[in-house]
Every structure is written in C-alpha cells, then in structure tokens.
Protein backbone atom coordinates (compact mmCIF):
# COMPACT_ATOMS: atom_id res chain seq x y z
CA MET A 1 -0.25 -0.02 0.02
CA GLU A 2 2.61 2.18 0.51
CA ASN A 3 4.12 1.95 -2.50
CA LEU A 4 1.32 3.14 -3.92
CA ILE A 5 1.18 6.84 -2.95
CA PRO A 6 4.44 7.40 -4.87
CA ALA A 7 3.38 5.51 -7.85
CA SER A 8 0.42 7.53 -8.14
CA LEU A 9 2.52 11.14 -7.39
CA ILE A 10 4.81 9.91 -10.26
CA ALA A 11 1.80 9.28 -12.52
CA LEU A 12 0.17 12.62 -11.52
CA GLU A 13 3.27 14.62 -12.49
CA TYR A 14 3.38 12.28 -15.95
CA SER A 15 -0.14 13.15 -16.57
CA GLY A 16 0.59 17.06 -15.85
CA GLN A 17 3.90 17.27 -18.39
CA ALA A 18 1.74 15.36 -20.80
CA LEU A 19 -0.62 18.43 -20.86
CA ASP A 20 1.65 20.85 -20.60
CA LYS A 21 3.40 18.72 -24.09
CA ILE A 22 -0.48 19.02 -25.36
CA ALA A 23 -1.32 22.77 -24.74
CA ILE A 24 2.30 23.40 -26.82
CA ILE A 25 1.06 20.79 -29.64
CA LYS A 26 -1.98 23.27 -29.72
CA ASN A 27 -0.86 26.09 -29.78
CA ASN A 28 1.56 26.01 -32.30
CA GLY A 29 -1.49 24.55 -34.60
CA LYS A 30 -3.74 27.13 -33.60
CA GLN A 31 -0.89 29.70 -35.02
CA ALA A 32 0.07 28.03 -37.88
CA ILE A 33 -4.22 28.37 -39.09
CA ILE A 34 -4.14 31.87 -37.72
CA GLY A 35 -1.00 32.35 -39.81
CA PHE A 36 -2.49 30.91 -42.99
CA ILE A 37 -6.09 32.20 -42.66
CA GLU A 38 -4.28 35.77 -42.50
CA LEU A 39 -2.01 35.40 -45.34
CA ALA A 40 -5.01 33.71 -47.21
CA LEU A 41 -6.90 36.79 -46.44
CA ARG A 42 -4.25 39.37 -47.54
CA THR A 43 -4.43 37.98 -51.43
CA GLN A 44 -7.14 38.74 -54.03
CA LEU A 45 -10.65 36.64 -53.19
CA ASP A 46 -14.22 37.15 -53.89
CA ASP A 47 -16.63 37.66 -51.27
CA THR A 48 -17.46 33.77 -51.59
CA GLN A 49 -14.20 32.62 -50.73
CA ARG A 50 -13.25 35.83 -48.37
CA HIS A 51 -16.72 34.33 -46.42
CA TYR A 52 -15.66 30.69 -46.02
CA LEU A 53 -11.90 32.22 -45.03
CA GLU A 54 -14.16 33.95 -42.14
CA ILE A 55 -15.95 30.78 -41.29
CA ILE A 56 -12.63 28.71 -40.88
CA ASN A 57 -11.18 31.39 -38.73
CA GLN A 58 -14.42 31.50 -36.49
CA SER A 59 -14.50 27.84 -35.85
CA GLU A 60 -11.17 27.90 -35.55
CA GLU A 61 -11.43 30.29 -32.53
CA PHE A 62 -14.74 28.47 -31.26
CA LEU A 63 -12.47 25.18 -30.96
CA TYR A 64 -9.61 26.52 -29.79
CA SER A 65 -11.51 27.79 -26.59
CA ILE A 66 -12.88 24.42 -26.12
CA SER A 67 -9.88 22.84 -26.28
CA ASN A 68 -8.63 25.33 -23.68
CA ASP A 69 -11.95 24.55 -21.67
CA ILE A 70 -11.10 21.02 -21.76
CA LEU A 71 -7.05 21.24 -20.72
CA ASP A 72 -7.47 23.57 -17.99
CA PHE A 73 -10.34 21.00 -16.94
CA SER A 74 -8.40 18.00 -16.79
CA LYS A 75 -5.42 19.74 -15.19
CA MET A 76 -7.81 20.59 -12.33
CA LYS A 77 -8.37 16.84 -11.99
CA THR A 78 -4.72 15.99 -11.97
CA ILE A 79 -3.93 18.35 -9.06
CA LEU A 80 -6.84 17.07 -7.25
C-alpha cells in the first residue's frame, strides 16, 4: 500500500507534463492555422472565398476555446 502513494504521485506528475506538451502542440497548430488564414485574407479573394475563410477563422477560435477549457479541466483533475 505504501508503494501506491509514490506511484500515484509520479503518475500525476507525468500526466501534468503530458498536458503541458499537449497545450504547446495545440498552440503551435493554432498559430499555423491563424497564419495561413491571415495570409490568405491578404490575397485577392471573391466574396465567397473571403466568407469561407472568415468561417474557418471563427470556427478555429471556437475550437481553441473549447480545447482550452478541456485542458484546464484536465489540469484541475490532475491536481485534485
């Protein structure tokens, strides 16, 4: 039984590190998507193309917000 406590603490530490790595990967992906959208919006686009890019941008922001909430919840669960 005594070995279970240190093992669970180690598991919590590794899960916290994994969550940190997931957050970094997620942020890098977000930056890449935003960068491509911004570049595309600087080009000549018709109204339909611009509309589609704006939808993609809004969707990406919404997904980013949801993924932040999930990561925050996971981190709180790891701490508890």
